[in-house]
Amino acid sequence: MNPGANLLDTPALAAWLSINPRHVRRLIQERRIASIKVGRLVRFDPEAIERWLDQNRSDRQTSAASPPLLTATVQVPLRQRRRSAPTAPSHPRGEQLRLDS
């Protein structure tokens, strides 16, 4: 068996995971996914990807057996609206100021 015969390239992995190839490249750059460099090419071992998926899978069975998380409701005051500035400065007696030069 040829070890490199079943390696996946970036578009094939993206299609397999149903994600964008750009996201696969970001995972590679952040070193969050196992990859193999062959010269300038990046390839993925399907078995290593399966293990990676198993490690990152949220297991529904173990979460159902664990006690529910405690949640708290916190009221956050809404930010007050800023009032817009008056269009023209007004005089204390309510008259408009004249700006004559």
Protein backbone atom coordinates (compact mmCIF):
# COMPACT_ATOMS: atom_id res chain seq x y z
CA MET A 1 0.00 0.00 0.00
CA ASN A 2 1.31 3.43 -0.95
CA PRO A 3 1.13 5.69 2.17
CA GLY A 4 0.63 8.86 0.11
CA ALA A 5 -2.03 7.46 -2.17
CA ASN A 6 -4.99 8.39 -0.03
CA LEU A 7 -3.87 11.77 1.27
CA LEU A 8 -6.34 14.63 0.84
CA ASP A 9 -5.58 18.09 -0.48
CA THR A 10 -7.16 21.27 0.89
CA PRO A 11 -10.19 21.42 -1.48
CA ALA A 12 -10.94 17.71 -0.92
CA LEU A 13 -10.77 18.12 2.88
CA ALA A 14 -12.97 21.21 2.71
CA ALA A 15 -15.53 19.29 0.66
CA TRP A 16 -15.39 16.35 3.09
CA LEU A 17 -15.91 18.61 6.12
CA SER A 18 -18.45 20.82 4.26
CA ILE A 19 -16.47 23.97 5.00
CA ASN A 20 -14.76 26.62 2.92
CA PRO A 21 -11.14 25.92 1.78
CA ARG A 22 -10.19 29.28 3.31
CA HIS A 23 -11.27 27.94 6.72
CA VAL A 24 -9.09 24.84 6.22
CA ARG A 25 -6.11 27.11 5.45
CA ARG A 26 -6.84 29.11 8.62
CA LEU A 27 -6.90 25.89 10.67
CA ILE A 28 -3.51 24.99 9.18
CA GLN A 29 -2.06 28.42 9.93
CA GLU A 30 -3.30 28.30 13.52
CA ARG A 31 -1.91 24.74 13.83
CA ARG A 32 -5.31 23.46 14.92
CA ILE A 33 -5.43 20.60 12.41
CA ALA A 34 -2.89 17.90 11.54
CA SER A 35 -1.33 18.43 8.14
CA ILE A 36 1.59 17.04 6.14
CA LYS A 37 3.88 19.22 4.02
CA VAL A 38 5.07 17.60 0.81
CA GLY A 39 7.38 20.19 -0.65
CA ARG A 40 5.14 23.24 -1.04
CA LEU A 41 1.96 21.18 -0.98
CA VAL A 42 -0.18 20.56 2.08
CA ARG A 43 -1.84 17.17 2.46
CA PHE A 44 -4.02 15.56 5.11
CA ASP A 45 -4.12 11.97 6.35
CA PRO A 46 -7.79 10.88 6.56
CA GLU A 47 -7.10 8.77 9.67
CA ALA A 48 -5.50 11.75 11.46
CA ILE A 49 -8.48 13.90 10.45
CA GLU A 50 -10.86 11.26 11.86
CA ARG A 51 -8.96 11.34 15.18
CA TRP A 52 -9.03 15.17 15.13
CA LEU A 53 -12.78 15.10 14.56
CA ASP A 54 -13.26 12.63 17.43
CA GLN A 55 -11.24 14.85 19.77
CA ASN A 56 -13.21 17.96 18.82
CA ARG A 57 -16.64 16.34 18.73
CA SER A 58 -19.08 17.42 21.41
CA ASP A 59 -20.38 14.13 22.78
CA ARG A 60 -24.14 14.29 23.31
CA GLN A 61 -24.23 11.15 25.47
CA THR A 62 -21.82 12.42 28.12
CA SER A 63 -23.47 15.84 28.22
CA ALA A 64 -26.88 14.22 28.85
CA ALA A 65 -25.47 12.32 31.84
CA SER A 66 -23.86 15.38 33.40
CA PRO A 67 -25.88 17.68 35.64
CA PRO A 68 -27.39 20.76 34.03
CA LEU A 69 -25.37 23.93 34.13
CA LEU A 70 -26.50 26.66 36.49
CA THR A 71 -27.49 29.80 34.70
CA ALA A 72 -28.12 33.25 36.02
CA THR A 73 -30.00 36.09 34.46
CA VAL A 74 -28.26 39.42 34.64
CA GLN A 75 -29.98 42.61 33.69
CA VAL A 76 -27.71 45.00 31.91
CA PRO A 77 -28.95 48.58 31.71
CA LEU A 78 -29.45 49.83 28.22
CA ARG A 79 -27.16 52.54 27.06
CA GLN A 80 -28.94 55.86 27.14
CA ARG A 81 -29.39 57.61 23.85
CA ARG A 82 -27.30 60.62 23.26
CA ARG A 83 -29.27 63.69 22.58
CA SER A 84 -28.32 65.46 19.44
CA ALA A 85 -26.68 68.83 19.78
CA PRO A 86 -28.86 71.83 18.93
CA THR A 87 -28.44 72.99 15.37
CA ALA A 88 -27.66 76.57 16.34
CA PRO A 89 -26.47 77.94 19.66
CA SER A 90 -29.26 79.68 21.50
CA HIS A 91 -29.19 82.65 23.79
CA PRO A 92 -30.17 82.14 27.46
CA ARG A 93 -33.39 84.14 26.85
CA GLY A 94 -34.33 81.84 23.98
CA GLU A 95 -33.27 84.16 21.21
CA GLN A 96 -30.96 83.07 18.43
CA LEU A 97 -27.45 84.50 18.59
CA ARG A 98 -26.28 86.52 15.65
CA LEU A 99 -22.79 85.81 14.54
CA ASP A 100 -21.84 88.98 12.66
CA SER A 101 -18.23 89.57 11.88
